[in-house]
N, C-alpha and C. Protein backbone atom coordinates (compact mmCIF):
# COMPACT_ATOMS: atom_id res chain seq x y z
N GLN A 1 0.84 -1.17 0.00
CA GLN A 1 0.00 0.00 0.00
C GLN A 1 0.89 1.24 0.00
N VAL A 2 0.71 2.07 -1.02
CA VAL A 2 1.49 3.28 -1.17
C VAL A 2 0.65 4.47 -0.71
N GLN A 3 1.24 5.31 0.11
CA GLN A 3 0.61 6.55 0.52
C GLN A 3 1.40 7.73 -0.04
N LEU A 4 0.67 8.73 -0.54
CA LEU A 4 1.27 9.90 -1.15
C LEU A 4 0.70 11.15 -0.49
N VAL A 5 1.57 12.09 -0.14
CA VAL A 5 1.16 13.32 0.51
C VAL A 5 1.78 14.49 -0.23
N GLU A 6 0.92 15.32 -0.84
CA GLU A 6 1.38 16.51 -1.56
C GLU A 6 1.46 17.70 -0.63
N SER A 7 2.30 18.65 -1.00
CA SER A 7 2.40 19.91 -0.29
C SER A 7 2.95 20.97 -1.24
N GLY A 8 2.81 22.23 -0.86
CA GLY A 8 3.39 23.32 -1.62
C GLY A 8 2.42 24.18 -2.38
N GLY A 9 1.15 23.78 -2.48
CA GLY A 9 0.17 24.59 -3.17
C GLY A 9 -0.06 25.91 -2.47
N ASP A 10 -0.39 26.96 -3.25
CA ASP A 10 -0.53 28.29 -2.68
C ASP A 10 -1.26 29.19 -3.66
N LEU A 11 -1.57 30.40 -3.20
CA LEU A 11 -2.05 31.47 -4.06
C LEU A 11 -0.85 32.25 -4.55
N VAL A 12 -0.75 32.43 -5.87
CA VAL A 12 0.40 33.11 -6.46
C VAL A 12 -0.08 34.00 -7.60
N GLN A 13 0.61 35.10 -7.84
CA GLN A 13 0.27 36.00 -8.93
C GLN A 13 0.75 35.44 -10.27
N PRO A 14 0.10 35.84 -11.36
CA PRO A 14 0.59 35.44 -12.68
C PRO A 14 2.06 35.79 -12.85
N GLY A 15 2.81 34.86 -13.44
CA GLY A 15 4.24 35.03 -13.59
C GLY A 15 5.05 34.51 -12.44
N GLY A 16 4.41 34.14 -11.35
CA GLY A 16 5.10 33.63 -10.19
C GLY A 16 5.49 32.17 -10.31
N SER A 17 6.11 31.65 -9.24
CA SER A 17 6.62 30.28 -9.23
C SER A 17 6.22 29.56 -7.96
N LEU A 18 6.10 28.25 -8.06
CA LEU A 18 5.86 27.38 -6.93
C LEU A 18 6.61 26.07 -7.14
N ARG A 19 6.92 25.38 -6.04
CA ARG A 19 7.42 24.02 -6.11
C ARG A 19 6.52 23.13 -5.28
N LEU A 20 5.92 22.15 -5.94
CA LEU A 20 5.11 21.16 -5.26
C LEU A 20 5.96 19.95 -4.90
N SER A 21 5.65 19.35 -3.76
CA SER A 21 6.35 18.15 -3.31
C SER A 21 5.35 17.03 -3.07
N CYS A 22 5.79 15.81 -3.28
CA CYS A 22 4.98 14.62 -3.01
C CYS A 22 5.86 13.60 -2.31
N ALA A 23 5.54 13.32 -1.06
CA ALA A 23 6.29 12.36 -0.27
C ALA A 23 5.58 11.01 -0.29
N ALA A 24 6.31 9.95 -0.62
CA ALA A 24 5.75 8.61 -0.75
C ALA A 24 6.21 7.72 0.39
N SER A 25 5.34 6.80 0.78
CA SER A 25 5.69 5.81 1.78
C SER A 25 4.88 4.53 1.52
N GLY A 26 5.36 3.42 2.07
CA GLY A 26 4.62 2.17 1.99
C GLY A 26 4.87 1.32 0.76
N GLY A 27 5.80 1.71 -0.09
CA GLY A 27 6.11 0.96 -1.29
C GLY A 27 7.56 1.11 -1.68
N ILE A 28 7.95 0.40 -2.73
CA ILE A 28 9.30 0.52 -3.26
C ILE A 28 9.28 1.66 -4.27
N PHE A 29 9.74 2.83 -3.83
CA PHE A 29 9.56 4.06 -4.59
C PHE A 29 10.19 3.98 -5.97
N ASN A 30 11.37 3.39 -6.07
CA ASN A 30 12.07 3.38 -7.35
C ASN A 30 11.52 2.34 -8.33
N SER A 31 10.41 1.70 -8.01
CA SER A 31 9.73 0.81 -8.95
C SER A 31 8.54 1.48 -9.63
N TYR A 32 8.24 2.74 -9.28
CA TYR A 32 7.06 3.43 -9.78
C TYR A 32 7.40 4.59 -10.69
N THR A 33 6.69 4.67 -11.80
CA THR A 33 6.60 5.92 -12.53
C THR A 33 5.79 6.91 -11.70
N MET A 34 6.24 8.14 -11.63
CA MET A 34 5.53 9.16 -10.86
C MET A 34 4.97 10.21 -11.80
N ASN A 35 3.74 10.63 -11.51
CA ASN A 35 3.03 11.57 -12.37
C ASN A 35 2.43 12.70 -11.54
N TRP A 36 2.32 13.87 -12.16
CA TRP A 36 1.51 14.96 -11.63
C TRP A 36 0.33 15.17 -12.56
N TYR A 37 -0.87 15.18 -11.98
CA TYR A 37 -2.10 15.51 -12.67
C TYR A 37 -2.67 16.79 -12.07
N ARG A 38 -3.59 17.40 -12.79
CA ARG A 38 -4.32 18.53 -12.23
C ARG A 38 -5.76 18.49 -12.70
N GLN A 39 -6.64 19.09 -11.90
CA GLN A 39 -8.05 19.16 -12.24
C GLN A 39 -8.61 20.52 -11.83
N ALA A 40 -9.09 21.26 -12.80
CA ALA A 40 -9.74 22.54 -12.55
C ALA A 40 -11.24 22.31 -12.38
N PRO A 41 -11.93 23.23 -11.70
CA PRO A 41 -13.38 23.07 -11.51
C PRO A 41 -14.12 22.91 -12.83
N GLY A 42 -14.98 21.89 -12.90
CA GLY A 42 -15.77 21.65 -14.10
C GLY A 42 -15.02 21.06 -15.27
N LYS A 43 -13.76 20.68 -15.07
CA LYS A 43 -12.96 20.12 -16.15
C LYS A 43 -12.45 18.74 -15.78
N GLN A 44 -12.04 17.99 -16.80
CA GLN A 44 -11.49 16.66 -16.58
C GLN A 44 -10.07 16.75 -16.01
N ARG A 45 -9.69 15.72 -15.28
CA ARG A 45 -8.33 15.63 -14.79
C ARG A 45 -7.38 15.41 -15.97
N GLU A 46 -6.26 16.13 -15.97
CA GLU A 46 -5.30 16.02 -17.06
C GLU A 46 -3.91 15.73 -16.52
N LEU A 47 -3.15 14.99 -17.31
CA LEU A 47 -1.78 14.67 -16.98
C LEU A 47 -0.90 15.88 -17.26
N VAL A 48 -0.10 16.28 -16.29
CA VAL A 48 0.77 17.44 -16.41
C VAL A 48 2.20 17.03 -16.73
N ALA A 49 2.74 16.06 -15.98
CA ALA A 49 4.13 15.66 -16.16
C ALA A 49 4.35 14.27 -15.60
N SER A 50 5.35 13.57 -16.15
CA SER A 50 5.69 12.21 -15.73
C SER A 50 7.19 12.07 -15.63
N ILE A 51 7.63 11.17 -14.76
CA ILE A 51 9.03 10.84 -14.64
C ILE A 51 9.17 9.35 -14.40
N SER A 52 10.11 8.72 -15.09
CA SER A 52 10.29 7.28 -14.99
C SER A 52 10.82 6.89 -13.61
N SER A 53 10.80 5.58 -13.34
CA SER A 53 11.14 5.10 -12.01
C SER A 53 12.56 5.47 -11.58
N THR A 54 13.48 5.49 -12.54
CA THR A 54 14.87 5.83 -12.23
C THR A 54 15.14 7.33 -12.34
N GLY A 55 14.22 8.07 -12.93
CA GLY A 55 14.43 9.48 -13.19
C GLY A 55 15.14 9.78 -14.48
N SER A 56 15.39 8.76 -15.30
CA SER A 56 16.15 8.94 -16.53
C SER A 56 15.32 9.54 -17.65
N SER A 57 14.00 9.51 -17.55
CA SER A 57 13.13 10.01 -18.60
C SER A 57 12.00 10.83 -18.01
N THR A 58 11.70 11.95 -18.64
CA THR A 58 10.58 12.80 -18.23
C THR A 58 9.75 13.20 -19.43
N ASP A 59 8.52 13.61 -19.16
CA ASP A 59 7.64 14.12 -20.19
C ASP A 59 6.68 15.10 -19.54
N SER A 60 6.11 15.99 -20.34
CA SER A 60 5.17 16.97 -19.83
C SER A 60 4.18 17.36 -20.90
N ALA A 61 3.04 17.88 -20.48
CA ALA A 61 2.03 18.33 -21.41
C ALA A 61 2.52 19.54 -22.19
N ASP A 62 2.04 19.67 -23.42
CA ASP A 62 2.46 20.79 -24.26
C ASP A 62 2.17 22.14 -23.60
N SER A 63 1.09 22.22 -22.85
CA SER A 63 0.69 23.48 -22.24
C SER A 63 1.65 23.97 -21.16
N VAL A 64 2.48 23.07 -20.62
CA VAL A 64 3.39 23.45 -19.54
C VAL A 64 4.85 23.27 -19.90
N LYS A 65 5.13 22.74 -21.09
CA LYS A 65 6.51 22.59 -21.51
C LYS A 65 7.24 23.93 -21.45
N ARG A 66 8.49 23.90 -21.03
CA ARG A 66 9.36 25.06 -20.88
C ARG A 66 9.00 25.91 -19.67
N ARG A 67 7.95 25.54 -18.94
CA ARG A 67 7.58 26.25 -17.72
C ARG A 67 7.64 25.37 -16.48
N PHE A 68 7.23 24.10 -16.61
CA PHE A 68 7.20 23.17 -15.49
C PHE A 68 8.32 22.15 -15.64
N SER A 69 8.82 21.66 -14.52
CA SER A 69 9.87 20.64 -14.53
C SER A 69 9.61 19.64 -13.41
N ILE A 70 9.58 18.35 -13.76
CA ILE A 70 9.39 17.29 -12.79
C ILE A 70 10.74 16.66 -12.45
N SER A 71 10.91 16.29 -11.19
CA SER A 71 12.13 15.63 -10.76
C SER A 71 11.80 14.70 -9.60
N ARG A 72 12.74 13.81 -9.26
CA ARG A 72 12.53 12.91 -8.14
C ARG A 72 13.84 12.66 -7.42
N ASP A 73 13.72 12.39 -6.13
CA ASP A 73 14.85 12.03 -5.29
C ASP A 73 14.51 10.68 -4.68
N ASN A 74 15.02 9.61 -5.29
CA ASN A 74 14.66 8.27 -4.83
C ASN A 74 15.20 7.96 -3.44
N ALA A 75 16.29 8.61 -3.06
CA ALA A 75 16.82 8.41 -1.71
C ALA A 75 15.88 8.96 -0.66
N GLU A 76 15.09 9.98 -1.02
CA GLU A 76 14.15 10.60 -0.09
C GLU A 76 12.70 10.23 -0.38
N ASN A 77 12.46 9.37 -1.37
CA ASN A 77 11.10 8.94 -1.74
C ASN A 77 10.19 10.13 -2.01
N THR A 78 10.69 11.09 -2.78
CA THR A 78 9.96 12.32 -3.02
C THR A 78 10.03 12.70 -4.50
N VAL A 79 8.91 13.18 -5.02
CA VAL A 79 8.85 13.72 -6.38
C VAL A 79 8.44 15.18 -6.28
N TYR A 80 8.97 16.00 -7.19
CA TYR A 80 8.74 17.44 -7.17
C TYR A 80 8.17 17.91 -8.50
N LEU A 81 7.47 19.03 -8.45
CA LEU A 81 7.05 19.73 -9.65
C LEU A 81 7.38 21.21 -9.47
N ARG A 82 8.39 21.67 -10.20
CA ARG A 82 8.75 23.08 -10.21
C ARG A 82 7.92 23.78 -11.28
N MET A 83 7.19 24.82 -10.89
CA MET A 83 6.30 25.53 -11.79
C MET A 83 6.75 26.98 -11.86
N ASN A 84 7.11 27.42 -13.05
CA ASN A 84 7.53 28.80 -13.30
C ASN A 84 6.56 29.47 -14.26
N SER A 85 6.60 30.79 -14.29
CA SER A 85 5.79 31.58 -15.22
C SER A 85 4.33 31.16 -15.18
N LEU A 86 3.78 31.07 -13.99
CA LEU A 86 2.42 30.56 -13.82
C LEU A 86 1.39 31.48 -14.45
N LYS A 87 0.35 30.85 -15.00
CA LYS A 87 -0.74 31.54 -15.67
C LYS A 87 -2.05 31.23 -14.95
N PRO A 88 -3.06 32.10 -15.10
CA PRO A 88 -4.35 31.80 -14.47
C PRO A 88 -4.92 30.44 -14.87
N GLU A 89 -4.69 30.00 -16.10
CA GLU A 89 -5.19 28.71 -16.53
C GLU A 89 -4.50 27.53 -15.87
N ASP A 90 -3.43 27.78 -15.12
CA ASP A 90 -2.79 26.72 -14.33
C ASP A 90 -3.52 26.46 -13.02
N THR A 91 -4.49 27.28 -12.68
CA THR A 91 -5.25 27.12 -11.45
C THR A 91 -5.96 25.77 -11.44
N ALA A 92 -5.72 24.97 -10.42
CA ALA A 92 -6.29 23.63 -10.33
C ALA A 92 -5.87 22.99 -9.01
N VAL A 93 -6.48 21.86 -8.71
CA VAL A 93 -5.97 20.98 -7.67
C VAL A 93 -4.96 20.05 -8.34
N TYR A 94 -3.76 19.99 -7.80
CA TYR A 94 -2.70 19.17 -8.35
C TYR A 94 -2.56 17.89 -7.53
N TYR A 95 -2.53 16.75 -8.24
CA TYR A 95 -2.48 15.44 -7.61
C TYR A 95 -1.21 14.70 -7.99
N CYS A 96 -0.62 14.04 -7.02
CA CYS A 96 0.50 13.15 -7.24
C CYS A 96 -0.01 11.74 -7.47
N ASN A 97 0.59 11.03 -8.42
CA ASN A 97 0.19 9.68 -8.76
C ASN A 97 1.40 8.77 -8.90
N ALA A 98 1.31 7.58 -8.32
CA ALA A 98 2.34 6.55 -8.47
C ALA A 98 1.76 5.42 -9.31
N LEU A 99 2.49 5.00 -10.35
CA LEU A 99 1.98 4.03 -11.30
C LEU A 99 3.01 2.95 -11.56
N LYS A 100 2.56 1.70 -11.50
CA LYS A 100 3.39 0.56 -11.87
C LYS A 100 2.54 -0.44 -12.64
N ILE A 101 3.03 -0.84 -13.80
CA ILE A 101 2.32 -1.79 -14.63
C ILE A 101 3.21 -3.01 -14.84
N THR A 102 2.79 -4.13 -14.31
CA THR A 102 3.47 -5.41 -14.54
C THR A 102 2.44 -6.34 -15.16
N ALA A 103 2.18 -7.48 -14.54
CA ALA A 103 1.04 -8.30 -14.94
C ALA A 103 -0.27 -7.63 -14.51
N LEU A 104 -0.19 -6.78 -13.50
CA LEU A 104 -1.32 -6.00 -13.01
C LEU A 104 -0.97 -4.52 -13.06
N ARG A 105 -2.00 -3.68 -12.96
CA ARG A 105 -1.82 -2.23 -12.94
C ARG A 105 -2.02 -1.72 -11.52
N TYR A 106 -1.02 -1.02 -11.01
CA TYR A 106 -1.09 -0.42 -9.69
C TYR A 106 -1.05 1.10 -9.83
N SER A 107 -2.02 1.78 -9.24
CA SER A 107 -2.10 3.23 -9.32
C SER A 107 -2.56 3.78 -7.98
N TYR A 108 -1.80 4.75 -7.45
CA TYR A 108 -2.10 5.35 -6.16
C TYR A 108 -2.12 6.86 -6.30
N TRP A 109 -2.95 7.51 -5.48
CA TRP A 109 -3.17 8.95 -5.57
C TRP A 109 -3.00 9.63 -4.23
N GLY A 110 -2.49 10.84 -4.27
CA GLY A 110 -2.46 11.69 -3.10
C GLY A 110 -3.76 12.45 -2.94
N GLN A 111 -3.83 13.27 -1.91
CA GLN A 111 -5.07 13.99 -1.59
C GLN A 111 -5.26 15.26 -2.41
N GLY A 112 -4.21 15.73 -3.04
CA GLY A 112 -4.26 16.94 -3.84
C GLY A 112 -3.85 18.17 -3.07
N THR A 113 -3.33 19.16 -3.80
CA THR A 113 -2.97 20.44 -3.22
C THR A 113 -3.41 21.55 -4.17
N GLN A 114 -4.00 22.60 -3.63
CA GLN A 114 -4.61 23.66 -4.43
C GLN A 114 -3.57 24.67 -4.88
N VAL A 115 -3.55 24.93 -6.19
CA VAL A 115 -2.75 26.00 -6.77
C VAL A 115 -3.70 27.01 -7.39
N THR A 116 -3.61 28.25 -6.95
CA THR A 116 -4.44 29.32 -7.49
C THR A 116 -3.55 30.42 -8.02
N VAL A 117 -3.71 30.76 -9.30
CA VAL A 117 -2.93 31.80 -9.95
C VAL A 117 -3.88 32.95 -10.27
N SER A 118 -3.72 34.05 -9.57
CA SER A 118 -4.64 35.17 -9.71
C SER A 118 -3.96 36.45 -9.25
N SER A 119 -4.33 37.55 -9.90
CA SER A 119 -3.84 38.86 -9.50
C SER A 119 -4.77 39.53 -8.50
């Protein structure tokens, strides 16, 4: 059983920056792909960024490329999302997700942290 706890969400002005953190426990952290999703009110949840289990590969949505950066510290069982040049459309609840696909699919979610970008 994997538990994920996000932190770092805040109210920030357009153009500002935040770093979100996700602390994992209860599993073998370096066996999971880690993802950040977000969901705005009235909209579907969307994938923001992903990082492979070793940290050797990353990907991000086109809407946040060159602004957001995902990273992980396997020694500390933590994944991060650095967000720069924030826009009002980035406002959402951000969720951490741990994913492992073998013969079965394992997916775990954190509680979410609110990011609000407004002047």
